[in-house]
Amino acid sequence: LEEFRLAEEAYAAGLTLLDRYDGNDAQLGRAR
């Protein structure tokens, strides 16, 4: 939707969740 700020914030939040809670690294691969 070209909402770049929201996109950046959402991806950063996803990375934070993975890092903070030792999340499933496969999700990072899927996101990529």
All heavy atoms as atom14 arrays in JSON, in Angstrom:
{
  "sequence": "LEEFRLAEEAYAAGLTLLDRYDGNDAQLGRAR",
  "atom14_mask": [
    [1, 1, 1, 1, 1, 1, 1, 1, 0, 0, 0, 0, 0, 0],
    [1, 1, 1, 1, 1, 1, 1, 1, 1, 0, 0, 0, 0, 0],
    [1, 1, 1, 1, 1, 1, 1, 1, 1, 0, 0, 0, 0, 0],
    [1, 1, 1, 1, 1, 1, 1, 1, 1, 1, 1, 0, 0, 0],
    [1, 1, 1, 1, 1, 1, 1, 1, 1, 1, 1, 0, 0, 0],
    [1, 1, 1, 1, 1, 1, 1, 1, 0, 0, 0, 0, 0, 0],
    [1, 1, 1, 1, 1, 0, 0, 0, 0, 0, 0, 0, 0, 0],
    [1, 1, 1, 1, 1, 1, 1, 1, 1, 0, 0, 0, 0, 0],
    [1, 1, 1, 1, 1, 1, 1, 1, 1, 0, 0, 0, 0, 0],
    [1, 1, 1, 1, 1, 0, 0, 0, 0, 0, 0, 0, 0, 0],
    [1, 1, 1, 1, 1, 1, 1, 1, 1, 1, 1, 1, 0, 0],
    [1, 1, 1, 1, 1, 0, 0, 0, 0, 0, 0, 0, 0, 0],
    [1, 1, 1, 1, 1, 0, 0, 0, 0, 0, 0, 0, 0, 0],
    [1, 1, 1, 1, 0, 0, 0, 0, 0, 0, 0, 0, 0, 0],
    [1, 1, 1, 1, 1, 1, 1, 1, 0, 0, 0, 0, 0, 0],
    [1, 1, 1, 1, 1, 1, 1, 0, 0, 0, 0, 0, 0, 0],
    [1, 1, 1, 1, 1, 1, 1, 1, 0, 0, 0, 0, 0, 0],
    [1, 1, 1, 1, 1, 1, 1, 1, 0, 0, 0, 0, 0, 0],
    [1, 1, 1, 1, 1, 1, 1, 1, 0, 0, 0, 0, 0, 0],
    [1, 1, 1, 1, 1, 1, 1, 1, 1, 1, 1, 0, 0, 0],
    [1, 1, 1, 1, 1, 1, 1, 1, 1, 1, 1, 1, 0, 0],
    [1, 1, 1, 1, 1, 1, 1, 1, 0, 0, 0, 0, 0, 0],
    [1, 1, 1, 1, 0, 0, 0, 0, 0, 0, 0, 0, 0, 0],
    [1, 1, 1, 1, 1, 1, 1, 1, 0, 0, 0, 0, 0, 0],
    [1, 1, 1, 1, 1, 1, 1, 1, 0, 0, 0, 0, 0, 0],
    [1, 1, 1, 1, 1, 0, 0, 0, 0, 0, 0, 0, 0, 0],
    [1, 1, 1, 1, 1, 1, 1, 1, 1, 0, 0, 0, 0, 0],
    [1, 1, 1, 1, 1, 1, 1, 1, 0, 0, 0, 0, 0, 0],
    [1, 1, 1, 1, 0, 0, 0, 0, 0, 0, 0, 0, 0, 0],
    [1, 1, 1, 1, 1, 1, 1, 1, 1, 1, 1, 0, 0, 0],
    [1, 1, 1, 1, 1, 0, 0, 0, 0, 0, 0, 0, 0, 0],
    [1, 1, 1, 1, 1, 1, 1, 1, 1, 1, 1, 0, 0, 0]
  ],
  "atom14_positions": [
    [[0.81, -1.22, 0.0], [0.0, 0.0, 0.0], [0.85, 1.27, 0.0], [0.33, 2.37, 0.1], [-0.94, 0.0, 1.21], [-1.97, -1.12, 1.24], [-2.71, -1.13, 2.57], [-2.94, -0.98, 0.08], [0.0, 0.0, 0.0], [0.0, 0.0, 0.0], [0.0, 0.0, 0.0], [0.0, 0.0, 0.0], [0.0, 0.0, 0.0], [0.0, 0.0, 0.0]],
    [[2.17, 1.08, -0.05], [3.13, 2.17, -0.03], [3.05, 2.99, 1.25], [3.29, 4.2, 1.26], [3.0, 3.04, -1.28], [3.29, 2.26, -2.55], [3.26, 3.09, -3.81], [3.3, 4.34, -3.73], [3.21, 2.48, -4.89], [0.0, 0.0, 0.0], [0.0, 0.0, 0.0], [0.0, 0.0, 0.0], [0.0, 0.0, 0.0], [0.0, 0.0, 0.0]],
    [[2.7, 2.32, 2.32], [2.72, 2.91, 3.66], [4.07, 2.52, 4.28], [4.16, 1.61, 5.11], [1.55, 2.38, 4.49], [0.2, 2.82, 4.0], [-0.05, 4.31, 4.22], [0.57, 4.91, 5.12], [-0.88, 4.87, 3.48], [0.0, 0.0, 0.0], [0.0, 0.0, 0.0], [0.0, 0.0, 0.0], [0.0, 0.0, 0.0], [0.0, 0.0, 0.0]],
    [[5.11, 3.2, 3.84], [6.47, 2.78, 4.16], [6.8, 2.85, 5.64], [7.49, 1.98, 6.17], [7.47, 3.57, 3.33], [7.25, 3.41, 1.85], [7.06, 4.51, 1.04], [7.22, 2.15, 1.27], [6.86, 4.37, -0.33], [7.02, 1.99, -0.1], [6.83, 3.1, -0.89], [0.0, 0.0, 0.0], [0.0, 0.0, 0.0], [0.0, 0.0, 0.0]],
    [[6.33, 3.86, 6.31], [6.62, 3.98, 7.75], [5.98, 2.82, 8.52], [6.62, 2.21, 9.37], [6.12, 5.32, 8.28], [6.46, 5.51, 9.73], [6.16, 6.9, 10.19], [6.48, 7.02, 11.59], [5.97, 7.91, 12.38], [5.12, 8.8, 11.91], [6.29, 7.96, 13.64], [0.0, 0.0, 0.0], [0.0, 0.0, 0.0], [0.0, 0.0, 0.0]],
    [[4.72, 2.52, 8.21], [4.05, 1.4, 8.87], [4.76, 0.09, 8.55], [4.94, -0.76, 9.43], [2.58, 1.33, 8.45], [1.77, 0.16, 9.02], [1.78, 0.18, 10.54], [0.35, 0.21, 8.48], [0.0, 0.0, 0.0], [0.0, 0.0, 0.0], [0.0, 0.0, 0.0], [0.0, 0.0, 0.0], [0.0, 0.0, 0.0], [0.0, 0.0, 0.0]],
    [[5.19, -0.08, 7.3], [5.91, -1.3, 6.92], [7.18, -1.44, 7.74], [7.46, -2.52, 8.28], [6.23, -1.27, 5.43], [0.0, 0.0, 0.0], [0.0, 0.0, 0.0], [0.0, 0.0, 0.0], [0.0, 0.0, 0.0], [0.0, 0.0, 0.0], [0.0, 0.0, 0.0], [0.0, 0.0, 0.0], [0.0, 0.0, 0.0], [0.0, 0.0, 0.0]],
    [[7.93, -0.37, 7.85], [9.17, -0.4, 8.62], [8.9, -0.74, 10.08], [9.6, -1.57, 10.68], [9.87, 0.96, 8.51], [11.19, 1.02, 9.2], [11.87, 2.36, 9.0], [11.18, 3.41, 9.05], [13.09, 2.36, 8.82], [0.0, 0.0, 0.0], [0.0, 0.0, 0.0], [0.0, 0.0, 0.0], [0.0, 0.0, 0.0], [0.0, 0.0, 0.0]],
    [[7.88, -0.14, 10.65], [7.53, -0.4, 12.05], [7.09, -1.85, 12.25], [7.45, -2.48, 13.25], [6.44, 0.56, 12.51], [6.91, 1.98, 12.63], [5.79, 2.98, 12.88], [4.61, 2.59, 12.92], [6.11, 4.17, 13.05], [0.0, 0.0, 0.0], [0.0, 0.0, 0.0], [0.0, 0.0, 0.0], [0.0, 0.0, 0.0], [0.0, 0.0, 0.0]],
    [[6.32, -2.37, 11.31], [5.83, -3.74, 11.45], [6.98, -4.74, 11.35], [7.07, -5.67, 12.16], [4.77, -4.04, 10.39], [0.0, 0.0, 0.0], [0.0, 0.0, 0.0], [0.0, 0.0, 0.0], [0.0, 0.0, 0.0], [0.0, 0.0, 0.0], [0.0, 0.0, 0.0], [0.0, 0.0, 0.0], [0.0, 0.0, 0.0], [0.0, 0.0, 0.0]],
    [[7.85, -4.56, 10.36], [8.99, -5.47, 10.25], [9.89, -5.38, 11.49], [10.38, -6.39, 11.99], [9.79, -5.22, 8.98], [9.18, -5.88, 7.76], [8.48, -5.14, 6.82], [9.27, -7.25, 7.57], [7.9, -5.75, 5.7], [8.71, -7.87, 6.47], [8.03, -7.11, 5.54], [7.46, -7.73, 4.45], [0.0, 0.0, 0.0], [0.0, 0.0, 0.0]],
    [[10.1, -4.18, 11.99], [10.9, -4.01, 13.21], [10.24, -4.71, 14.39], [10.93, -5.36, 15.2], [11.11, -2.52, 13.51], [0.0, 0.0, 0.0], [0.0, 0.0, 0.0], [0.0, 0.0, 0.0], [0.0, 0.0, 0.0], [0.0, 0.0, 0.0], [0.0, 0.0, 0.0], [0.0, 0.0, 0.0], [0.0, 0.0, 0.0], [0.0, 0.0, 0.0]],
    [[8.92, -4.62, 14.5], [8.2, -5.29, 15.58], [8.33, -6.81, 15.45], [8.51, -7.51, 16.45], [6.73, -4.88, 15.58], [0.0, 0.0, 0.0], [0.0, 0.0, 0.0], [0.0, 0.0, 0.0], [0.0, 0.0, 0.0], [0.0, 0.0, 0.0], [0.0, 0.0, 0.0], [0.0, 0.0, 0.0], [0.0, 0.0, 0.0], [0.0, 0.0, 0.0]],
    [[8.26, -7.32, 14.24], [8.43, -8.76, 14.03], [9.81, -9.23, 14.46], [9.97, -10.25, 15.12], [0.0, 0.0, 0.0], [0.0, 0.0, 0.0], [0.0, 0.0, 0.0], [0.0, 0.0, 0.0], [0.0, 0.0, 0.0], [0.0, 0.0, 0.0], [0.0, 0.0, 0.0], [0.0, 0.0, 0.0], [0.0, 0.0, 0.0], [0.0, 0.0, 0.0]],
    [[10.84, -8.45, 14.1], [12.2, -8.79, 14.51], [12.35, -8.73, 16.03], [13.03, -9.57, 16.63], [13.2, -7.86, 13.83], [13.36, -8.06, 12.33], [14.22, -6.94, 11.74], [13.96, -9.42, 12.03], [0.0, 0.0, 0.0], [0.0, 0.0, 0.0], [0.0, 0.0, 0.0], [0.0, 0.0, 0.0], [0.0, 0.0, 0.0], [0.0, 0.0, 0.0]],
    [[11.71, -7.74, 16.64], [11.76, -7.63, 18.1], [11.12, -8.84, 18.76], [11.66, -9.39, 19.72], [11.06, -6.34, 18.56], [11.77, -5.22, 18.01], [11.02, -6.23, 20.07], [0.0, 0.0, 0.0], [0.0, 0.0, 0.0], [0.0, 0.0, 0.0], [0.0, 0.0, 0.0], [0.0, 0.0, 0.0], [0.0, 0.0, 0.0], [0.0, 0.0, 0.0]],
    [[9.97, -9.27, 18.25], [9.32, -10.46, 18.8], [10.22, -11.69, 18.68], [10.35, -12.47, 19.63], [7.99, -10.72, 18.09], [6.85, -9.79, 18.44], [5.7, -9.98, 17.46], [6.38, -10.02, 19.87], [0.0, 0.0, 0.0], [0.0, 0.0, 0.0], [0.0, 0.0, 0.0], [0.0, 0.0, 0.0], [0.0, 0.0, 0.0], [0.0, 0.0, 0.0]],
    [[10.83, -11.87, 17.52], [11.72, -13.02, 17.33], [12.89, -12.97, 18.3], [13.28, -13.98, 18.87], [12.24, -13.06, 15.89], [11.25, -13.49, 14.82], [11.9, -13.38, 13.45], [10.76, -14.9, 15.07], [0.0, 0.0, 0.0], [0.0, 0.0, 0.0], [0.0, 0.0, 0.0], [0.0, 0.0, 0.0], [0.0, 0.0, 0.0], [0.0, 0.0, 0.0]],
    [[13.45, -11.78, 18.49], [14.61, -11.63, 19.35], [14.25, -11.76, 20.83], [14.89, -12.5, 21.58], [15.26, -10.27, 19.08], [16.56, -10.1, 19.84], [17.42, -10.98, 19.74], [16.69, -9.07, 20.54], [0.0, 0.0, 0.0], [0.0, 0.0, 0.0], [0.0, 0.0, 0.0], [0.0, 0.0, 0.0], [0.0, 0.0, 0.0], [0.0, 0.0, 0.0]],
    [[13.22, -11.07, 21.23], [12.86, -11.02, 22.64], [12.4, -12.37, 23.18], [12.69, -12.74, 24.3], [11.78, -9.97, 22.87], [11.43, -9.81, 24.35], [10.39, -8.74, 24.57], [10.92, -7.45, 24.15], [10.16, -6.42, 23.82], [8.86, -6.51, 23.86], [10.71, -5.28, 23.46], [0.0, 0.0, 0.0], [0.0, 0.0, 0.0], [0.0, 0.0, 0.0]],
    [[11.65, -13.1, 22.37], [11.06, -14.35, 22.84], [11.67, -15.58, 22.2], [11.1, -16.65, 22.24], [9.54, -14.32, 22.61], [8.88, -13.21, 23.35], [8.42, -12.07, 22.69], [8.74, -13.27, 24.74], [7.82, -11.04, 23.39], [8.15, -12.23, 25.44], [7.7, -11.12, 24.75], [7.11, -10.09, 25.45], [0.0, 0.0, 0.0], [0.0, 0.0, 0.0]],
    [[12.86, -15.39, 21.61], [13.57, -16.51, 20.98], [12.62, -17.26, 20.05], [12.39, -18.46, 20.18], [14.15, -17.45, 22.05], [15.19, -18.4, 21.46], [15.8, -18.05, 20.45], [15.35, -19.5, 22.01], [0.0, 0.0, 0.0], [0.0, 0.0, 0.0], [0.0, 0.0, 0.0], [0.0, 0.0, 0.0], [0.0, 0.0, 0.0], [0.0, 0.0, 0.0]],
    [[12.05, -16.5, 19.12], [11.02, -17.04, 18.23], [11.54, -18.0, 17.19], [12.74, -18.3, 17.1], [0.0, 0.0, 0.0], [0.0, 0.0, 0.0], [0.0, 0.0, 0.0], [0.0, 0.0, 0.0], [0.0, 0.0, 0.0], [0.0, 0.0, 0.0], [0.0, 0.0, 0.0], [0.0, 0.0, 0.0], [0.0, 0.0, 0.0], [0.0, 0.0, 0.0]],
    [[10.64, -18.47, 16.39], [10.9, -19.45, 15.35], [11.62, -18.78, 14.18], [11.02, -17.97, 13.46], [9.56, -20.05, 14.91], [9.7, -21.11, 13.86], [10.75, -21.29, 13.27], [8.62, -21.83, 13.63], [0.0, 0.0, 0.0], [0.0, 0.0, 0.0], [0.0, 0.0, 0.0], [0.0, 0.0, 0.0], [0.0, 0.0, 0.0], [0.0, 0.0, 0.0]],
    [[12.88, -19.13, 13.96], [13.67, -18.5, 12.91], [13.12, -18.77, 11.51], [13.4, -18.03, 10.58], [15.13, -18.95, 12.99], [15.86, -18.34, 14.17], [15.43, -17.28, 14.66], [16.87, -18.93, 14.6], [0.0, 0.0, 0.0], [0.0, 0.0, 0.0], [0.0, 0.0, 0.0], [0.0, 0.0, 0.0], [0.0, 0.0, 0.0], [0.0, 0.0, 0.0]],
    [[12.34, -19.83, 11.35], [11.74, -20.12, 10.05], [10.82, -18.98, 9.63], [10.66, -18.72, 8.43], [10.97, -21.43, 10.09], [0.0, 0.0, 0.0], [0.0, 0.0, 0.0], [0.0, 0.0, 0.0], [0.0, 0.0, 0.0], [0.0, 0.0, 0.0], [0.0, 0.0, 0.0], [0.0, 0.0, 0.0], [0.0, 0.0, 0.0], [0.0, 0.0, 0.0]],
    [[10.23, -18.3, 10.59], [9.35, -17.17, 10.26], [10.12, -16.05, 9.59], [9.6, -15.39, 8.7], [8.66, -16.65, 11.51], [7.62, -17.62, 12.02], [6.93, -17.07, 13.22], [7.57, -16.55, 14.12], [5.63, -17.18, 13.23], [0.0, 0.0, 0.0], [0.0, 0.0, 0.0], [0.0, 0.0, 0.0], [0.0, 0.0, 0.0], [0.0, 0.0, 0.0]],
    [[11.34, -15.85, 10.01], [12.17, -14.82, 9.39], [12.43, -15.17, 7.93], [12.34, -14.31, 7.05], [13.48, -14.65, 10.16], [14.44, -13.58, 9.68], [13.76, -12.22, 9.66], [15.68, -13.56, 10.55], [0.0, 0.0, 0.0], [0.0, 0.0, 0.0], [0.0, 0.0, 0.0], [0.0, 0.0, 0.0], [0.0, 0.0, 0.0], [0.0, 0.0, 0.0]],
    [[12.73, -16.42, 7.67], [12.94, -16.87, 6.3], [11.7, -16.7, 5.43], [11.79, -16.26, 4.28], [0.0, 0.0, 0.0], [0.0, 0.0, 0.0], [0.0, 0.0, 0.0], [0.0, 0.0, 0.0], [0.0, 0.0, 0.0], [0.0, 0.0, 0.0], [0.0, 0.0, 0.0], [0.0, 0.0, 0.0], [0.0, 0.0, 0.0], [0.0, 0.0, 0.0]],
    [[10.54, -17.01, 6.0], [9.29, -16.84, 5.26], [9.02, -15.37, 4.98], [8.58, -15.0, 3.89], [8.12, -17.46, 6.02], [8.01, -18.96, 5.85], [6.69, -19.49, 6.35], [6.45, -19.23, 7.76], [6.85, -20.01, 8.74], [7.54, -21.1, 8.5], [6.59, -19.71, 9.99], [0.0, 0.0, 0.0], [0.0, 0.0, 0.0], [0.0, 0.0, 0.0]],
    [[9.26, -14.53, 5.98], [9.05, -13.09, 5.8], [9.95, -12.55, 4.7], [9.53, -11.75, 3.86], [9.3, -12.34, 7.11], [0.0, 0.0, 0.0], [0.0, 0.0, 0.0], [0.0, 0.0, 0.0], [0.0, 0.0, 0.0], [0.0, 0.0, 0.0], [0.0, 0.0, 0.0], [0.0, 0.0, 0.0], [0.0, 0.0, 0.0], [0.0, 0.0, 0.0]],
    [[11.19, -13.03, 4.69], [12.14, -12.59, 3.67], [11.7, -13.06, 2.28], [11.71, -12.29, 1.33], [13.53, -13.13, 4.01], [14.62, -12.54, 3.2], [15.99, -13.05, 3.65], [17.04, -12.15, 3.33], [17.33, -11.68, 2.12], [16.58, -11.99, 1.1], [18.33, -10.87, 1.92], [0.0, 0.0, 0.0], [0.0, 0.0, 0.0], [0.0, 0.0, 0.0]]
  ]
}
